[in-house]
N, C-alpha and C. Protein backbone atom coordinates (compact mmCIF):
# COMPACT_ATOMS: atom_id res chain seq x y z
N MET A 1 78.81 125.09 117.09
CA MET A 1 78.87 123.66 117.29
C MET A 1 80.26 123.16 116.85
N PRO A 2 80.94 122.39 117.69
CA PRO A 2 82.25 121.86 117.30
C PRO A 2 82.14 120.88 116.14
N ARG A 3 83.15 120.89 115.29
CA ARG A 3 83.20 119.98 114.15
C ARG A 3 84.25 118.91 114.39
N ALA A 4 84.08 117.77 113.72
CA ALA A 4 85.10 116.73 113.75
C ALA A 4 86.38 117.31 113.14
N LYS A 5 87.50 117.01 113.74
CA LYS A 5 88.77 117.57 113.28
C LYS A 5 89.63 116.49 112.64
N LEU A 6 89.26 116.11 111.43
CA LEU A 6 90.04 115.14 110.67
C LEU A 6 91.09 115.89 109.86
N THR A 7 92.22 115.26 109.65
CA THR A 7 93.29 115.89 108.88
C THR A 7 93.69 114.98 107.72
N GLU A 8 94.21 115.61 106.67
CA GLU A 8 94.69 114.84 105.53
C GLU A 8 95.95 114.08 105.94
N GLN A 9 96.14 112.94 105.32
CA GLN A 9 97.33 112.12 105.56
C GLN A 9 98.47 112.62 104.65
N PRO A 10 99.71 112.36 105.05
CA PRO A 10 100.84 112.79 104.20
C PRO A 10 100.84 112.11 102.83
N GLU A 11 100.34 110.87 102.79
CA GLU A 11 100.27 110.17 101.50
C GLU A 11 99.10 109.19 101.49
N TYR A 12 98.64 108.90 100.28
CA TYR A 12 97.56 107.94 100.05
C TYR A 12 98.03 106.96 99.00
N GLU A 13 97.92 105.68 99.30
CA GLU A 13 98.43 104.65 98.39
C GLU A 13 97.43 104.18 97.34
N PHE A 14 96.16 104.46 97.56
CA PHE A 14 95.12 103.98 96.65
C PHE A 14 94.27 105.13 96.15
N CYS A 15 93.77 104.99 94.91
CA CYS A 15 92.84 105.97 94.36
C CYS A 15 91.71 105.22 93.65
N TYR A 16 90.48 105.55 94.01
CA TYR A 16 89.30 104.93 93.41
C TYR A 16 88.48 106.04 92.75
N PRO A 17 88.44 106.09 91.42
CA PRO A 17 87.64 107.12 90.74
C PRO A 17 86.17 106.70 90.64
N ILE A 18 85.29 107.66 90.75
CA ILE A 18 83.86 107.37 90.64
C ILE A 18 83.13 108.62 90.15
N MET A 19 82.10 108.41 89.33
CA MET A 19 81.26 109.52 88.88
C MET A 19 79.96 109.50 89.68
N LEU A 20 79.59 110.66 90.22
CA LEU A 20 78.34 110.74 90.99
C LEU A 20 77.15 110.52 90.07
N GLN A 21 76.22 109.71 90.54
CA GLN A 21 75.02 109.35 89.80
C GLN A 21 73.79 110.02 90.43
N PRO A 22 72.66 110.03 89.73
CA PRO A 22 71.45 110.62 90.32
C PRO A 22 71.11 110.05 91.70
N ARG A 23 71.37 108.77 91.93
CA ARG A 23 71.06 108.15 93.22
C ARG A 23 71.90 108.73 94.37
N ASP A 24 73.03 109.39 94.04
CA ASP A 24 73.93 109.93 95.05
C ASP A 24 73.53 111.33 95.52
N ILE A 25 72.56 111.92 94.85
CA ILE A 25 72.18 113.31 95.11
C ILE A 25 70.97 113.35 96.03
N ASN A 26 71.06 114.20 97.07
CA ASN A 26 69.97 114.29 98.05
C ASN A 26 68.98 115.40 97.67
N TYR A 27 68.00 115.63 98.53
CA TYR A 27 66.95 116.62 98.27
C TYR A 27 67.50 118.05 98.19
N GLY A 28 68.72 118.27 98.70
CA GLY A 28 69.36 119.58 98.61
C GLY A 28 70.06 119.81 97.28
N GLY A 29 70.08 118.76 96.42
CA GLY A 29 70.68 118.88 95.10
C GLY A 29 72.18 118.62 95.07
N HIS A 30 72.72 118.05 96.13
CA HIS A 30 74.15 117.75 96.16
C HIS A 30 74.39 116.36 96.76
N LEU A 31 75.65 115.94 96.76
CA LEU A 31 76.03 114.63 97.28
C LEU A 31 75.54 114.46 98.72
N GLY A 32 74.80 113.37 98.96
CA GLY A 32 74.30 113.07 100.30
C GLY A 32 75.33 112.30 101.11
N VAL A 33 75.32 112.50 102.40
CA VAL A 33 76.26 111.81 103.29
C VAL A 33 76.07 110.30 103.20
N ASP A 34 74.83 109.84 103.08
CA ASP A 34 74.59 108.40 102.97
C ASP A 34 75.27 107.83 101.74
N SER A 35 75.24 108.56 100.63
CA SER A 35 75.93 108.10 99.43
C SER A 35 77.43 108.17 99.59
N LEU A 36 77.92 109.17 100.30
CA LEU A 36 79.36 109.27 100.55
C LEU A 36 79.85 108.06 101.33
N VAL A 37 79.07 107.61 102.30
CA VAL A 37 79.43 106.40 103.06
C VAL A 37 79.50 105.20 102.12
N SER A 38 78.55 105.08 101.21
CA SER A 38 78.56 103.97 100.24
C SER A 38 79.73 104.06 99.27
N ILE A 39 80.06 105.26 98.84
CA ILE A 39 81.18 105.45 97.92
C ILE A 39 82.50 105.06 98.60
N VAL A 40 82.67 105.47 99.85
CA VAL A 40 83.87 105.09 100.60
C VAL A 40 83.91 103.57 100.78
N GLY A 41 82.74 102.95 101.00
CA GLY A 41 82.66 101.49 101.11
C GLY A 41 83.05 100.80 99.82
N ALA A 42 82.67 101.37 98.69
CA ALA A 42 83.06 100.80 97.39
C ALA A 42 84.57 100.92 97.20
N ALA A 43 85.15 102.04 97.60
CA ALA A 43 86.60 102.21 97.51
C ALA A 43 87.32 101.18 98.38
N ARG A 44 86.78 100.93 99.56
CA ARG A 44 87.37 99.93 100.47
C ARG A 44 87.32 98.54 99.85
N ALA A 45 86.18 98.18 99.26
CA ALA A 45 86.04 96.87 98.61
C ALA A 45 87.04 96.74 97.45
N TYR A 46 87.25 97.82 96.71
CA TYR A 46 88.22 97.84 95.62
C TYR A 46 89.63 97.57 96.15
N ILE A 47 89.98 98.16 97.26
CA ILE A 47 91.31 97.96 97.85
C ILE A 47 91.49 96.50 98.26
N PHE A 48 90.50 95.95 98.95
CA PHE A 48 90.59 94.54 99.34
C PHE A 48 90.76 93.64 98.11
N LYS A 49 89.97 93.91 97.07
CA LYS A 49 90.07 93.10 95.84
C LYS A 49 91.46 93.23 95.23
N SER A 50 92.04 94.42 95.27
CA SER A 50 93.35 94.64 94.64
C SER A 50 94.47 93.85 95.32
N ILE A 51 94.26 93.43 96.58
CA ILE A 51 95.27 92.61 97.26
C ILE A 51 94.81 91.16 97.41
N GLY A 52 93.74 90.81 96.70
CA GLY A 52 93.28 89.42 96.66
C GLY A 52 92.51 88.99 97.90
N LEU A 53 91.95 89.94 98.64
CA LEU A 53 91.18 89.63 99.84
C LEU A 53 89.80 90.25 99.74
N SER A 54 89.03 90.18 100.82
CA SER A 54 87.72 90.83 100.87
C SER A 54 87.41 91.21 102.30
N GLU A 55 86.35 91.97 102.48
CA GLU A 55 85.95 92.37 103.83
C GLU A 55 85.60 91.18 104.70
N GLY A 56 85.19 90.09 104.08
CA GLY A 56 84.84 88.88 104.81
C GLY A 56 85.95 87.86 104.87
N ASN A 57 87.11 88.19 104.24
CA ASN A 57 88.22 87.25 104.20
C ASN A 57 89.54 88.02 104.20
N LEU A 58 90.14 88.14 105.39
CA LEU A 58 91.42 88.83 105.50
C LEU A 58 92.60 87.88 105.31
N GLY A 59 92.33 86.70 104.77
CA GLY A 59 93.39 85.75 104.50
C GLY A 59 93.42 84.57 105.46
N LYS A 60 92.57 84.59 106.46
CA LYS A 60 92.42 83.47 107.38
C LYS A 60 90.96 83.05 107.36
N ASP A 61 90.71 81.76 107.51
CA ASP A 61 89.36 81.23 107.46
C ASP A 61 88.43 81.94 108.44
N LYS A 62 87.34 82.48 107.92
CA LYS A 62 86.27 83.12 108.69
C LYS A 62 86.70 84.41 109.40
N VAL A 63 87.86 84.97 109.07
CA VAL A 63 88.29 86.24 109.67
C VAL A 63 88.03 87.36 108.67
N GLY A 64 87.17 88.28 109.08
CA GLY A 64 86.84 89.44 108.27
C GLY A 64 87.01 90.70 109.09
N ILE A 65 86.27 91.73 108.73
CA ILE A 65 86.34 92.99 109.47
C ILE A 65 85.00 93.34 110.07
N ILE A 66 85.06 94.16 111.09
CA ILE A 66 83.87 94.74 111.68
C ILE A 66 84.20 96.21 111.96
N MET A 67 83.33 97.12 111.50
CA MET A 67 83.58 98.56 111.64
C MET A 67 83.30 98.98 113.08
N THR A 68 84.20 99.80 113.62
CA THR A 68 84.03 100.30 114.99
C THR A 68 83.59 101.76 115.02
N ASP A 69 83.98 102.52 114.01
CA ASP A 69 83.59 103.93 113.96
C ASP A 69 83.76 104.47 112.55
N PHE A 70 83.06 105.55 112.26
CA PHE A 70 83.16 106.22 110.97
C PHE A 70 82.91 107.70 111.21
N THR A 71 83.83 108.53 110.75
CA THR A 71 83.69 109.98 110.91
C THR A 71 83.95 110.63 109.57
N VAL A 72 83.15 111.64 109.25
CA VAL A 72 83.34 112.36 107.99
C VAL A 72 83.28 113.86 108.28
N SER A 73 84.12 114.59 107.60
CA SER A 73 84.12 116.04 107.66
C SER A 73 83.89 116.55 106.24
N LEU A 74 82.75 117.17 106.02
CA LEU A 74 82.41 117.67 104.69
C LEU A 74 83.06 119.02 104.46
N LYS A 75 83.63 119.22 103.28
CA LYS A 75 84.35 120.45 102.96
C LYS A 75 83.71 121.23 101.82
N ALA A 76 83.07 120.52 100.87
CA ALA A 76 82.44 121.16 99.71
C ALA A 76 81.35 120.25 99.18
N GLN A 77 80.51 120.79 98.32
CA GLN A 77 79.43 120.01 97.75
C GLN A 77 79.91 119.25 96.52
N GLY A 78 79.29 118.09 96.29
CA GLY A 78 79.49 117.34 95.07
C GLY A 78 78.16 117.32 94.33
N PHE A 79 78.21 117.32 92.99
CA PHE A 79 76.99 117.40 92.20
C PHE A 79 76.91 116.26 91.19
N MET A 80 75.69 116.04 90.68
CA MET A 80 75.45 114.96 89.75
C MET A 80 76.46 114.99 88.60
N PHE A 81 77.01 113.83 88.30
CA PHE A 81 77.97 113.58 87.23
C PHE A 81 79.35 114.18 87.49
N ASP A 82 79.60 114.66 88.70
CA ASP A 82 80.96 115.06 89.06
C ASP A 82 81.84 113.80 89.07
N ASN A 83 83.06 113.94 88.61
CA ASN A 83 84.05 112.87 88.72
C ASN A 83 84.83 113.09 90.01
N LEU A 84 84.73 112.14 90.91
CA LEU A 84 85.43 112.22 92.19
C LEU A 84 86.55 111.19 92.24
N GLU A 85 87.52 111.45 93.11
CA GLU A 85 88.57 110.50 93.42
C GLU A 85 88.53 110.25 94.92
N VAL A 86 88.54 108.98 95.30
CA VAL A 86 88.61 108.62 96.71
C VAL A 86 90.02 108.10 96.95
N TYR A 87 90.83 108.92 97.61
CA TYR A 87 92.20 108.54 97.96
C TYR A 87 92.18 107.88 99.32
N THR A 88 92.93 106.79 99.48
CA THR A 88 92.88 106.02 100.72
C THR A 88 94.28 105.65 101.21
N HIS A 89 94.43 105.78 102.51
CA HIS A 89 95.62 105.32 103.21
C HIS A 89 95.15 104.41 104.34
N ILE A 90 95.82 103.28 104.52
CA ILE A 90 95.50 102.38 105.63
C ILE A 90 96.64 102.48 106.64
N GLY A 91 96.30 102.69 107.91
CA GLY A 91 97.34 102.85 108.91
C GLY A 91 96.85 102.55 110.31
N GLU A 92 97.66 102.96 111.28
CA GLU A 92 97.40 102.75 112.70
C GLU A 92 97.08 101.28 113.02
N LEU A 93 97.89 100.40 112.46
CA LEU A 93 97.72 98.97 112.71
C LEU A 93 98.04 98.65 114.17
N THR A 94 97.12 97.96 114.82
CA THR A 94 97.36 97.44 116.16
C THR A 94 97.23 95.92 116.07
N LYS A 95 97.30 95.25 117.20
CA LYS A 95 97.19 93.79 117.19
C LYS A 95 95.89 93.34 116.52
N SER A 96 94.79 94.02 116.82
CA SER A 96 93.50 93.54 116.31
C SER A 96 92.76 94.55 115.43
N GLY A 97 93.37 95.68 115.10
CA GLY A 97 92.64 96.65 114.32
C GLY A 97 93.51 97.54 113.44
N PHE A 98 92.84 98.42 112.69
CA PHE A 98 93.50 99.35 111.79
C PHE A 98 92.49 100.41 111.38
N ARG A 99 92.98 101.46 110.71
CA ARG A 99 92.12 102.54 110.26
C ARG A 99 92.29 102.76 108.76
N PHE A 100 91.19 103.14 108.12
CA PHE A 100 91.18 103.59 106.73
C PHE A 100 91.01 105.11 106.78
N PHE A 101 91.91 105.83 106.09
CA PHE A 101 91.84 107.28 105.99
C PHE A 101 91.52 107.64 104.54
N HIS A 102 90.50 108.46 104.33
CA HIS A 102 90.06 108.79 102.98
C HIS A 102 90.08 110.30 102.76
N LYS A 103 90.45 110.68 101.56
CA LYS A 103 90.33 112.07 101.09
C LYS A 103 89.54 112.00 99.79
N ILE A 104 88.41 112.69 99.73
CA ILE A 104 87.56 112.66 98.54
C ILE A 104 87.69 114.01 97.85
N THR A 105 88.08 113.97 96.57
CA THR A 105 88.31 115.20 95.83
C THR A 105 87.55 115.22 94.51
N ARG A 106 87.40 116.42 93.98
CA ARG A 106 86.93 116.65 92.61
C ARG A 106 87.99 117.53 92.00
N GLY A 107 88.89 116.92 91.24
CA GLY A 107 90.03 117.69 90.73
C GLY A 107 90.87 118.17 91.90
N LEU A 108 91.10 119.47 91.97
CA LEU A 108 91.89 120.04 93.07
C LEU A 108 91.03 120.44 94.27
N SER A 109 89.71 120.28 94.16
CA SER A 109 88.80 120.67 95.25
C SER A 109 88.61 119.53 96.24
N LEU A 110 88.78 119.81 97.50
CA LEU A 110 88.54 118.84 98.56
C LEU A 110 87.06 118.79 98.87
N ILE A 111 86.44 117.63 98.71
CA ILE A 111 85.01 117.45 98.99
C ILE A 111 84.79 116.98 100.43
N ALA A 112 85.60 116.03 100.89
CA ALA A 112 85.42 115.49 102.25
C ALA A 112 86.67 114.74 102.69
N ILE A 113 86.79 114.61 104.00
CA ILE A 113 87.78 113.74 104.61
C ILE A 113 87.00 112.76 105.48
N ALA A 114 87.34 111.50 105.40
CA ALA A 114 86.63 110.49 106.18
C ALA A 114 87.65 109.54 106.80
N GLU A 115 87.23 108.93 107.89
CA GLU A 115 88.10 108.01 108.61
C GLU A 115 87.23 106.92 109.21
N ALA A 116 87.71 105.68 109.14
CA ALA A 116 86.95 104.56 109.69
C ALA A 116 87.88 103.61 110.42
N GLY A 117 87.42 103.11 111.56
CA GLY A 117 88.17 102.13 112.33
C GLY A 117 87.58 100.74 112.14
N PHE A 118 88.45 99.73 112.12
CA PHE A 118 88.03 98.35 111.93
C PHE A 118 88.76 97.43 112.89
N LEU A 119 88.10 96.38 113.25
CA LEU A 119 88.71 95.29 114.01
C LEU A 119 88.68 94.04 113.14
N ALA A 120 89.69 93.19 113.31
CA ALA A 120 89.65 91.86 112.69
C ALA A 120 88.68 91.04 113.54
N PHE A 121 87.77 90.35 112.88
CA PHE A 121 86.72 89.63 113.59
C PHE A 121 86.63 88.21 113.07
N ASP A 122 86.70 87.27 113.99
CA ASP A 122 86.57 85.85 113.67
C ASP A 122 85.08 85.52 113.74
N TYR A 123 84.46 85.41 112.57
CA TYR A 123 83.01 85.20 112.52
C TYR A 123 82.62 83.79 112.97
N ALA A 124 83.51 82.82 112.87
CA ALA A 124 83.21 81.46 113.33
C ALA A 124 83.15 81.43 114.86
N ALA A 125 84.09 82.12 115.50
CA ALA A 125 84.15 82.14 116.97
C ALA A 125 83.37 83.32 117.57
N ASN A 126 82.91 84.24 116.71
CA ASN A 126 82.15 85.41 117.14
C ASN A 126 82.94 86.27 118.14
N ARG A 127 84.21 86.57 117.76
CA ARG A 127 85.05 87.37 118.65
C ARG A 127 86.11 88.12 117.86
N VAL A 128 86.63 89.18 118.48
CA VAL A 128 87.74 89.93 117.90
C VAL A 128 88.98 89.04 117.91
N THR A 129 89.81 89.18 116.86
CA THR A 129 91.02 88.37 116.74
C THR A 129 92.16 89.24 116.21
N SER A 130 93.32 88.67 116.05
CA SER A 130 94.48 89.39 115.52
C SER A 130 94.33 89.64 114.03
N VAL A 131 94.87 90.76 113.57
CA VAL A 131 94.88 91.07 112.14
C VAL A 131 95.84 90.08 111.46
N PRO A 132 95.35 89.32 110.49
CA PRO A 132 96.22 88.35 109.81
C PRO A 132 97.33 89.03 109.00
N GLU A 133 98.49 88.41 108.97
CA GLU A 133 99.61 88.92 108.16
C GLU A 133 99.27 88.93 106.68
N GLN A 134 98.35 88.06 106.27
CA GLN A 134 97.95 88.01 104.85
C GLN A 134 97.32 89.35 104.43
N PHE A 135 96.82 90.12 105.40
CA PHE A 135 96.28 91.45 105.13
C PHE A 135 97.36 92.52 105.30
N SER A 136 98.05 92.52 106.41
CA SER A 136 98.99 93.60 106.73
C SER A 136 100.26 93.56 105.88
N LYS A 137 100.76 92.38 105.58
CA LYS A 137 102.05 92.27 104.87
C LYS A 137 102.01 92.86 103.46
N PRO A 138 100.99 92.53 102.61
CA PRO A 138 100.98 93.12 101.26
C PRO A 138 100.85 94.63 101.25
N LEU A 139 100.33 95.19 102.35
CA LEU A 139 100.15 96.64 102.43
C LEU A 139 101.37 97.32 103.07
N GLY A 140 102.32 96.51 103.54
CA GLY A 140 103.50 97.07 104.17
C GLY A 140 103.21 97.70 105.53
N LEU A 141 102.16 97.21 106.18
CA LEU A 141 101.78 97.77 107.49
C LEU A 141 102.58 97.13 108.60
N SER A 142 102.99 97.95 109.55
CA SER A 142 103.63 97.42 110.75
C SER A 142 102.84 97.90 111.96
N ARG A 143 102.79 97.08 112.97
CA ARG A 143 101.99 97.37 114.15
C ARG A 143 102.57 98.54 114.95
N LYS A 144 101.62 99.35 115.50
CA LYS A 144 102.03 100.39 116.43
C LYS A 144 102.28 99.75 117.78
N ILE A 145 103.24 100.28 118.51
CA ILE A 145 103.53 99.73 119.85
C ILE A 145 102.57 100.32 120.85
């Protein structure tokens, strides 16, 4: 069966440390994919907070994000009370979207690589809109042509 072919980024600007809790462990005794999705979501919320924004507020009234895709490639197991680091790079900025690239590690061990696509979404008008500069500028993002 073919696997998703995600690759590590050359650099990651953010790091979110987290310790795995009993709720993160599945019936197989290791980190569950559902918990990994939540952990990556917590790292994303941390990044937004660090630049004074949120998933529901990209710096313009009623403009937030909407996820378009999420892919994860598992590399190793994580276990209860493991200390993980979620490294994140934001890139591939277009007029209306961008991607979050994640590398999840336990020390020097690679646990997973994940990638998610987002669109800027005007919730008042119920439509896709341009990514506000209030989001892209503090991150040093420039649009791809």
